[in-house]
């Protein structure tokens, strides 16, 4: 038979499990909706800057070859 302390323990563990599960789901949703898009945006920006730098260097080489 379960006494009052056992019921209190089971209730407390249920509440703690709810917040633990909520935290994991919240973290996964944050990853999906915030961090992964920001990471992709950062990488796109880095690639774009690298491409612009390469184009600028090619343009300077062409100018130097003309003179």
N, C-alpha and C. Protein backbone atom coordinates (compact mmCIF):
# COMPACT_ATOMS: atom_id res chain seq x y z
N UNK A 1 0.82 -1.18 0.00
CA UNK A 1 0.00 0.00 0.00
C UNK A 1 0.87 1.25 0.00
N UNK A 2 0.43 2.27 -0.71
CA UNK A 2 1.21 3.50 -0.83
C UNK A 2 0.76 4.47 0.25
N UNK A 3 1.73 4.98 0.99
CA UNK A 3 1.38 5.97 2.01
C UNK A 3 1.51 7.38 1.44
N UNK A 4 1.31 8.39 2.29
CA UNK A 4 1.31 9.78 1.82
C UNK A 4 2.68 10.20 1.30
N UNK A 5 3.72 9.76 1.95
CA UNK A 5 5.07 10.11 1.51
C UNK A 5 5.34 9.53 0.12
N UNK A 6 4.89 8.32 -0.14
CA UNK A 6 5.06 7.71 -1.46
C UNK A 6 4.30 8.47 -2.53
N UNK A 7 3.07 8.89 -2.21
CA UNK A 7 2.29 9.68 -3.18
C UNK A 7 2.96 11.02 -3.45
N UNK A 8 3.48 11.64 -2.40
CA UNK A 8 4.18 12.92 -2.56
C UNK A 8 5.41 12.73 -3.44
N UNK A 9 6.14 11.65 -3.21
CA UNK A 9 7.34 11.35 -4.00
C UNK A 9 6.97 11.13 -5.47
N UNK A 10 5.95 10.32 -5.72
CA UNK A 10 5.52 10.06 -7.10
C UNK A 10 5.03 11.34 -7.79
N UNK A 11 4.30 12.15 -7.07
CA UNK A 11 3.82 13.43 -7.63
C UNK A 11 4.98 14.36 -7.94
N UNK A 12 5.94 14.43 -7.03
CA UNK A 12 7.11 15.28 -7.27
C UNK A 12 7.92 14.82 -8.46
N UNK A 13 8.11 13.52 -8.57
CA UNK A 13 8.87 13.00 -9.71
C UNK A 13 8.13 13.25 -11.02
N UNK A 14 6.82 13.16 -11.00
CA UNK A 14 6.03 13.44 -12.20
C UNK A 14 6.20 14.89 -12.63
N UNK A 15 6.14 15.81 -11.68
CA UNK A 15 6.32 17.23 -11.99
C UNK A 15 7.73 17.48 -12.52
N UNK A 16 8.73 16.90 -11.86
CA UNK A 16 10.10 17.09 -12.33
C UNK A 16 10.31 16.50 -13.72
N UNK A 17 9.71 15.35 -13.98
CA UNK A 17 9.82 14.74 -15.30
C UNK A 17 9.19 15.64 -16.36
N UNK A 18 8.04 16.26 -16.04
CA UNK A 18 7.38 17.16 -16.98
C UNK A 18 8.30 18.32 -17.36
N UNK A 19 8.92 18.96 -16.37
CA UNK A 19 9.81 20.08 -16.67
C UNK A 19 11.08 19.63 -17.40
N UNK A 20 11.57 18.44 -17.08
CA UNK A 20 12.74 17.89 -17.76
C UNK A 20 12.41 17.66 -19.24
N UNK A 21 11.28 17.02 -19.52
CA UNK A 21 10.87 16.76 -20.89
C UNK A 21 10.59 18.07 -21.63
N UNK A 22 9.95 19.02 -20.95
CA UNK A 22 9.67 20.32 -21.55
C UNK A 22 10.97 21.03 -21.92
N UNK A 23 11.97 20.95 -21.07
CA UNK A 23 13.26 21.57 -21.33
C UNK A 23 13.94 20.97 -22.55
N UNK A 24 13.90 19.66 -22.68
CA UNK A 24 14.51 18.99 -23.83
C UNK A 24 13.80 19.40 -25.12
N UNK A 25 12.48 19.37 -25.11
CA UNK A 25 11.71 19.75 -26.30
C UNK A 25 11.96 21.21 -26.65
N UNK A 26 11.99 22.07 -25.65
CA UNK A 26 12.24 23.49 -25.88
C UNK A 26 13.63 23.70 -26.48
N UNK A 27 14.62 22.99 -25.96
CA UNK A 27 15.97 23.11 -26.49
C UNK A 27 16.03 22.67 -27.95
N UNK A 28 15.39 21.55 -28.27
CA UNK A 28 15.40 21.06 -29.65
C UNK A 28 14.69 22.03 -30.59
N UNK A 29 13.60 22.63 -30.15
CA UNK A 29 12.90 23.61 -30.98
C UNK A 29 13.75 24.86 -31.16
N UNK A 30 14.46 25.28 -30.12
CA UNK A 30 15.37 26.43 -30.25
C UNK A 30 16.46 26.13 -31.26
N UNK A 31 17.01 24.92 -31.20
CA UNK A 31 18.02 24.54 -32.18
C UNK A 31 17.47 24.65 -33.59
N UNK A 32 16.28 24.08 -33.79
CA UNK A 32 15.68 24.03 -35.12
C UNK A 32 15.31 25.43 -35.62
N UNK A 33 14.78 26.26 -34.76
CA UNK A 33 14.22 27.55 -35.21
C UNK A 33 15.15 28.74 -35.05
N UNK A 34 16.19 28.63 -34.22
CA UNK A 34 17.07 29.78 -33.99
C UNK A 34 18.50 29.52 -34.39
N UNK A 35 19.10 28.51 -33.78
CA UNK A 35 20.54 28.33 -33.92
C UNK A 35 20.95 27.79 -35.29
N UNK A 36 20.22 26.83 -35.81
CA UNK A 36 20.56 26.28 -37.12
C UNK A 36 20.38 27.33 -38.22
N UNK A 37 19.26 28.10 -38.24
CA UNK A 37 19.17 29.16 -39.27
C UNK A 37 20.26 30.22 -39.12
N UNK A 38 20.62 30.59 -37.90
CA UNK A 38 21.69 31.58 -37.70
C UNK A 38 23.02 31.03 -38.20
N UNK A 39 23.28 29.75 -37.95
CA UNK A 39 24.50 29.14 -38.43
C UNK A 39 24.56 29.11 -39.95
N UNK A 40 23.44 28.77 -40.58
CA UNK A 40 23.39 28.77 -42.04
C UNK A 40 23.60 30.17 -42.60
N UNK A 41 22.98 31.16 -41.97
CA UNK A 41 23.14 32.55 -42.39
C UNK A 41 24.60 32.99 -42.26
N UNK A 42 25.24 32.61 -41.18
CA UNK A 42 26.65 32.95 -40.95
C UNK A 42 27.53 32.34 -42.05
N UNK A 43 27.29 31.06 -42.34
CA UNK A 43 28.09 30.40 -43.38
C UNK A 43 27.86 31.01 -44.75
N UNK A 44 26.60 31.37 -45.07
CA UNK A 44 26.33 32.03 -46.34
C UNK A 44 27.07 33.35 -46.44
N UNK A 45 27.08 34.10 -45.35
CA UNK A 45 27.78 35.38 -45.33
C UNK A 45 29.28 35.21 -45.52
N UNK A 46 29.84 34.20 -44.88
CA UNK A 46 31.28 33.95 -45.04
C UNK A 46 31.60 33.58 -46.48
N UNK A 47 30.77 32.72 -47.08
CA UNK A 47 31.00 32.33 -48.47
C UNK A 47 30.88 33.54 -49.40
N UNK A 48 29.89 34.39 -49.13
CA UNK A 48 29.69 35.58 -49.96
C UNK A 48 30.89 36.52 -49.86
N UNK A 49 31.39 36.74 -48.65
CA UNK A 49 32.56 37.60 -48.48
C UNK A 49 33.79 37.02 -49.18
N UNK A 50 33.96 35.71 -49.07
CA UNK A 50 35.09 35.05 -49.72
C UNK A 50 34.99 35.19 -51.24
N UNK A 51 33.78 35.03 -51.78
CA UNK A 51 33.56 35.16 -53.22
C UNK A 51 33.82 36.60 -53.67
N UNK A 52 33.35 37.58 -52.91
CA UNK A 52 33.60 38.98 -53.26
C UNK A 52 35.09 39.29 -53.23
N UNK A 53 35.80 38.76 -52.26
CA UNK A 53 37.24 38.98 -52.17
C UNK A 53 37.94 38.37 -53.39
N UNK A 54 37.54 37.17 -53.79
CA UNK A 54 38.13 36.52 -54.94
C UNK A 54 37.88 37.33 -56.21
N UNK A 55 36.65 37.83 -56.37
CA UNK A 55 36.31 38.65 -57.55
C UNK A 55 37.15 39.93 -57.58
N UNK A 56 37.30 40.54 -56.42
CA UNK A 56 38.07 41.78 -56.33
C UNK A 56 39.53 41.52 -56.71
N UNK A 57 40.09 40.41 -56.24
CA UNK A 57 41.47 40.08 -56.59
C UNK A 57 41.61 39.82 -58.09
N UNK A 58 40.65 39.13 -58.68
CA UNK A 58 40.69 38.89 -60.12
C UNK A 58 40.60 40.19 -60.90
N UNK A 59 39.76 41.10 -60.43
CA UNK A 59 39.61 42.39 -61.09
C UNK A 59 40.92 43.18 -61.03
N UNK A 60 41.58 43.15 -59.86
CA UNK A 60 42.86 43.85 -59.71
C UNK A 60 43.93 43.23 -60.60
N UNK A 61 43.94 41.91 -60.71
CA UNK A 61 44.91 41.25 -61.60
C UNK A 61 44.69 41.67 -63.06
N UNK A 62 43.44 41.71 -63.48
CA UNK A 62 43.13 42.13 -64.84
C UNK A 62 43.56 43.56 -65.09
N UNK A 63 43.32 44.44 -64.12
CA UNK A 63 43.73 45.84 -64.26
C UNK A 63 45.25 45.96 -64.37
N UNK A 64 45.96 45.17 -63.54
CA UNK A 64 47.42 45.22 -63.58
C UNK A 64 47.95 44.70 -64.90
N UNK A 65 47.29 43.70 -65.46
CA UNK A 65 47.74 43.16 -66.74
C UNK A 65 47.52 44.16 -67.87
N UNK A 66 46.51 45.00 -67.74
CA UNK A 66 46.23 45.98 -68.78
C UNK A 66 47.29 47.09 -68.79
N UNK A 67 47.88 47.40 -67.63
CA UNK A 67 48.85 48.51 -67.57
C UNK A 67 50.24 48.05 -67.60
